């Protein structure tokens, strides 16, 4: 019997993924990670079978670990120049 994660655990994972995605220095990577997170959770919103929910949650946790590692790697090679999307106009 597979135990499905609670709503609190799922929301915590969602917030953690978004929080970690916002740490990317590069605008394009940061927005891509946010968009992938939102789309992934939106795609799995309709899951009702506990085993499929548990599988999707486990996949989300593994993706969270990947994102944490990628933030570290990308911080070592952060761009020196801001993206056009981040430059404020005077």
N, C-alpha and C. Protein backbone atom coordinates (compact mmCIF):
# COMPACT_ATOMS: atom_id res chain seq x y z
N UNK A 1 0.83 -1.18 0.00
CA UNK A 1 0.00 0.00 0.00
C UNK A 1 0.88 1.25 0.00
N UNK A 2 0.64 2.11 -0.95
CA UNK A 2 1.41 3.34 -1.08
C UNK A 2 0.66 4.47 -0.39
N UNK A 3 1.36 5.20 0.45
CA UNK A 3 0.74 6.29 1.18
C UNK A 3 0.96 7.59 0.40
N UNK A 4 -0.13 8.24 0.02
CA UNK A 4 -0.05 9.48 -0.73
C UNK A 4 0.36 10.63 0.20
N UNK A 5 1.12 11.59 -0.31
CA UNK A 5 1.51 12.74 0.51
C UNK A 5 0.31 13.61 0.83
N UNK A 6 0.38 14.31 1.94
CA UNK A 6 -0.72 15.19 2.33
C UNK A 6 -0.68 16.47 1.49
N UNK A 7 -1.76 17.21 1.55
CA UNK A 7 -1.85 18.47 0.83
C UNK A 7 -0.77 19.44 1.30
N UNK A 8 -0.48 19.44 2.59
CA UNK A 8 0.54 20.32 3.16
C UNK A 8 1.91 19.97 2.59
N UNK A 9 2.21 18.67 2.47
CA UNK A 9 3.50 18.25 1.91
C UNK A 9 3.63 18.66 0.45
N UNK A 10 2.55 18.53 -0.31
CA UNK A 10 2.57 18.89 -1.72
C UNK A 10 2.77 20.40 -1.87
N UNK A 11 2.05 21.18 -1.10
CA UNK A 11 2.20 22.64 -1.18
C UNK A 11 3.58 23.08 -0.71
N UNK A 12 4.12 22.39 0.26
CA UNK A 12 5.47 22.71 0.73
C UNK A 12 6.50 22.45 -0.37
N UNK A 13 6.34 21.33 -1.07
CA UNK A 13 7.24 21.02 -2.18
C UNK A 13 7.10 22.07 -3.29
N UNK A 14 5.88 22.47 -3.59
CA UNK A 14 5.64 23.50 -4.62
C UNK A 14 6.33 24.81 -4.25
N UNK A 15 6.13 25.25 -3.01
CA UNK A 15 6.76 26.51 -2.57
C UNK A 15 8.28 26.39 -2.56
N UNK A 16 8.79 25.25 -2.15
CA UNK A 16 10.24 25.05 -2.12
C UNK A 16 10.83 25.10 -3.52
N UNK A 17 10.14 24.48 -4.47
CA UNK A 17 10.62 24.53 -5.86
C UNK A 17 10.62 25.96 -6.39
N UNK A 18 9.55 26.69 -6.14
CA UNK A 18 9.49 28.08 -6.61
C UNK A 18 10.55 28.94 -5.92
N UNK A 19 10.73 28.74 -4.63
CA UNK A 19 11.73 29.52 -3.88
C UNK A 19 13.13 29.23 -4.40
N UNK A 20 13.41 27.97 -4.66
CA UNK A 20 14.73 27.59 -5.16
C UNK A 20 14.93 28.08 -6.59
N UNK A 21 13.88 28.02 -7.40
CA UNK A 21 13.98 28.50 -8.78
C UNK A 21 14.28 29.99 -8.81
N UNK A 22 13.78 30.73 -7.85
CA UNK A 22 14.01 32.18 -7.85
C UNK A 22 15.45 32.54 -7.51
N UNK A 23 16.26 31.57 -7.11
CA UNK A 23 17.66 31.83 -6.77
C UNK A 23 18.58 31.81 -7.98
N UNK A 24 18.09 31.39 -9.14
CA UNK A 24 18.92 31.41 -10.34
C UNK A 24 19.26 32.85 -10.69
N UNK A 25 20.52 33.11 -11.00
CA UNK A 25 20.94 34.46 -11.35
C UNK A 25 20.47 34.85 -12.75
N UNK A 26 20.44 33.90 -13.66
CA UNK A 26 20.05 34.17 -15.04
C UNK A 26 18.53 34.23 -15.16
N UNK A 27 18.03 35.31 -15.73
CA UNK A 27 16.58 35.52 -15.87
C UNK A 27 15.92 34.37 -16.62
N UNK A 28 16.51 33.96 -17.74
CA UNK A 28 15.90 32.93 -18.58
C UNK A 28 15.79 31.60 -17.85
N UNK A 29 16.84 31.21 -17.17
CA UNK A 29 16.83 29.95 -16.42
C UNK A 29 15.83 30.03 -15.27
N UNK A 30 15.83 31.17 -14.58
CA UNK A 30 14.93 31.37 -13.44
C UNK A 30 13.47 31.26 -13.87
N UNK A 31 13.10 31.94 -14.94
CA UNK A 31 11.72 31.91 -15.41
C UNK A 31 11.34 30.54 -15.97
N UNK A 32 12.30 29.87 -16.61
CA UNK A 32 12.03 28.52 -17.12
C UNK A 32 11.74 27.56 -15.96
N UNK A 33 12.55 27.64 -14.91
CA UNK A 33 12.35 26.75 -13.75
C UNK A 33 11.01 27.04 -13.08
N UNK A 34 10.65 28.29 -12.96
CA UNK A 34 9.34 28.63 -12.37
C UNK A 34 8.21 28.09 -13.23
N UNK A 35 8.33 28.31 -14.54
CA UNK A 35 7.27 27.86 -15.46
C UNK A 35 7.13 26.34 -15.44
N UNK A 36 8.26 25.62 -15.42
CA UNK A 36 8.21 24.15 -15.36
C UNK A 36 7.56 23.67 -14.08
N UNK A 37 7.85 24.34 -12.97
CA UNK A 37 7.25 23.98 -11.68
C UNK A 37 5.74 24.15 -11.72
N UNK A 38 5.31 25.31 -12.15
CA UNK A 38 3.87 25.60 -12.20
C UNK A 38 3.16 24.66 -13.15
N UNK A 39 3.74 24.45 -14.34
CA UNK A 39 3.12 23.55 -15.32
C UNK A 39 3.07 22.11 -14.83
N UNK A 40 4.13 21.66 -14.16
CA UNK A 40 4.17 20.29 -13.65
C UNK A 40 3.10 20.05 -12.61
N UNK A 41 2.94 20.99 -11.71
CA UNK A 41 1.90 20.84 -10.68
C UNK A 41 0.51 20.97 -11.28
N UNK A 42 0.37 21.83 -12.26
CA UNK A 42 -0.93 21.99 -12.91
C UNK A 42 -1.31 20.71 -13.68
N UNK A 43 -0.33 20.08 -14.32
CA UNK A 43 -0.60 18.85 -15.06
C UNK A 43 -1.02 17.71 -14.13
N UNK A 44 -0.48 17.69 -12.92
CA UNK A 44 -0.76 16.61 -11.98
C UNK A 44 -1.89 16.94 -11.01
N UNK A 45 -2.54 18.05 -11.20
CA UNK A 45 -3.61 18.48 -10.30
C UNK A 45 -4.75 17.47 -10.23
N UNK A 46 -5.06 16.84 -11.34
CA UNK A 46 -6.20 15.94 -11.41
C UNK A 46 -5.94 14.52 -10.94
N UNK A 47 -4.74 14.22 -10.47
CA UNK A 47 -4.44 12.87 -10.01
C UNK A 47 -5.24 12.54 -8.76
N UNK A 48 -5.84 11.35 -8.76
CA UNK A 48 -6.62 10.96 -7.58
C UNK A 48 -6.17 9.61 -7.01
N UNK A 49 -5.54 8.79 -7.83
CA UNK A 49 -5.05 7.50 -7.37
C UNK A 49 -3.85 7.71 -6.43
N UNK A 50 -3.89 7.19 -5.21
CA UNK A 50 -2.80 7.42 -4.25
C UNK A 50 -1.43 7.00 -4.76
N UNK A 51 -1.36 5.93 -5.54
CA UNK A 51 -0.06 5.50 -6.03
C UNK A 51 0.49 6.46 -7.09
N UNK A 52 -0.38 6.99 -7.95
CA UNK A 52 0.09 7.95 -8.95
C UNK A 52 0.45 9.28 -8.30
N UNK A 53 -0.28 9.67 -7.25
CA UNK A 53 0.06 10.89 -6.52
C UNK A 53 1.41 10.73 -5.84
N UNK A 54 1.64 9.58 -5.22
CA UNK A 54 2.91 9.32 -4.55
C UNK A 54 4.06 9.30 -5.56
N UNK A 55 3.82 8.73 -6.73
CA UNK A 55 4.84 8.69 -7.78
C UNK A 55 5.16 10.09 -8.27
N UNK A 56 4.14 10.91 -8.50
CA UNK A 56 4.36 12.29 -8.95
C UNK A 56 5.08 13.10 -7.87
N UNK A 57 4.74 12.87 -6.61
CA UNK A 57 5.40 13.56 -5.50
C UNK A 57 6.87 13.17 -5.42
N UNK A 58 7.16 11.89 -5.58
CA UNK A 58 8.55 11.42 -5.55
C UNK A 58 9.34 12.02 -6.70
N UNK A 59 8.71 12.11 -7.88
CA UNK A 59 9.37 12.75 -9.02
C UNK A 59 9.62 14.22 -8.73
N UNK A 60 8.67 14.89 -8.10
CA UNK A 60 8.84 16.29 -7.74
C UNK A 60 9.98 16.50 -6.77
N UNK A 61 10.10 15.59 -5.80
CA UNK A 61 11.19 15.69 -4.84
C UNK A 61 12.55 15.49 -5.52
N UNK A 62 12.60 14.56 -6.46
CA UNK A 62 13.87 14.35 -7.17
C UNK A 62 14.20 15.56 -8.05
N UNK A 63 13.18 16.17 -8.65
CA UNK A 63 13.40 17.39 -9.43
C UNK A 63 13.87 18.54 -8.53
N UNK A 64 13.36 18.58 -7.31
CA UNK A 64 13.79 19.59 -6.36
C UNK A 64 15.27 19.46 -6.05
N UNK A 65 15.73 18.23 -5.87
CA UNK A 65 17.16 18.00 -5.62
C UNK A 65 18.00 18.44 -6.81
N UNK A 66 17.51 18.17 -8.01
CA UNK A 66 18.22 18.59 -9.23
C UNK A 66 18.30 20.11 -9.29
N UNK A 67 17.20 20.78 -9.01
CA UNK A 67 17.17 22.24 -9.07
C UNK A 67 18.13 22.83 -8.04
N UNK A 68 18.17 22.26 -6.85
CA UNK A 68 19.09 22.76 -5.83
C UNK A 68 20.54 22.65 -6.30
N UNK A 69 20.88 21.51 -6.92
CA UNK A 69 22.24 21.34 -7.44
C UNK A 69 22.52 22.31 -8.58
N UNK A 70 21.54 22.50 -9.45
CA UNK A 70 21.74 23.38 -10.59
C UNK A 70 21.90 24.84 -10.16
N UNK A 71 21.21 25.26 -9.11
CA UNK A 71 21.39 26.62 -8.61
C UNK A 71 22.83 26.83 -8.17
N UNK A 72 23.38 25.84 -7.51
CA UNK A 72 24.78 25.94 -7.07
C UNK A 72 25.72 26.01 -8.26
N UNK A 73 25.51 25.15 -9.23
CA UNK A 73 26.38 25.13 -10.41
C UNK A 73 26.25 26.44 -11.19
N UNK A 74 25.03 26.89 -11.43
CA UNK A 74 24.83 28.13 -12.17
C UNK A 74 25.36 29.34 -11.43
N UNK A 75 25.38 29.29 -10.10
CA UNK A 75 25.92 30.43 -9.35
C UNK A 75 27.43 30.55 -9.56
N UNK A 76 28.08 29.45 -9.85
CA UNK A 76 29.52 29.49 -10.12
C UNK A 76 29.82 30.14 -11.46
N UNK A 77 28.88 30.06 -12.39
CA UNK A 77 29.07 30.58 -13.74
C UNK A 77 28.00 31.62 -14.07
N UNK A 78 27.67 32.45 -13.11
CA UNK A 78 26.62 33.45 -13.30
C UNK A 78 27.06 34.47 -14.35
N UNK A 79 26.12 34.93 -15.19
CA UNK A 79 26.47 35.92 -16.20
C UNK A 79 26.85 37.25 -15.54
N UNK A 80 27.80 37.94 -16.15
CA UNK A 80 28.25 39.22 -15.61
C UNK A 80 27.31 40.36 -16.00
N UNK A 81 26.60 40.17 -17.10
CA UNK A 81 25.71 41.19 -17.62
C UNK A 81 24.27 40.75 -17.40
N UNK A 82 23.43 41.68 -16.98
CA UNK A 82 22.02 41.34 -16.78
C UNK A 82 21.31 41.14 -18.11
N UNK A 83 20.26 40.38 -18.07
CA UNK A 83 19.42 40.16 -19.24
C UNK A 83 18.66 41.44 -19.57
N UNK A 84 18.24 41.57 -20.81
CA UNK A 84 17.46 42.72 -21.23
C UNK A 84 16.18 42.82 -20.41
N UNK A 85 15.64 41.67 -19.98
CA UNK A 85 14.41 41.66 -19.20
C UNK A 85 14.62 42.22 -17.79
N UNK A 86 15.87 42.23 -17.32
CA UNK A 86 16.14 42.68 -15.95
C UNK A 86 16.62 44.12 -15.88
N UNK A 87 17.01 44.69 -17.02
CA UNK A 87 17.53 46.06 -17.04
C UNK A 87 16.37 47.02 -16.87
N UNK A 88 16.52 47.93 -15.92
CA UNK A 88 15.47 48.93 -15.70
C UNK A 88 15.73 50.14 -16.58
N UNK A 89 14.70 50.63 -17.16
CA UNK A 89 14.83 51.81 -18.02
C UNK A 89 14.78 53.07 -17.19
N UNK A 90 15.52 54.04 -17.61
CA UNK A 90 15.58 55.31 -16.87
C UNK A 90 14.60 56.31 -17.39
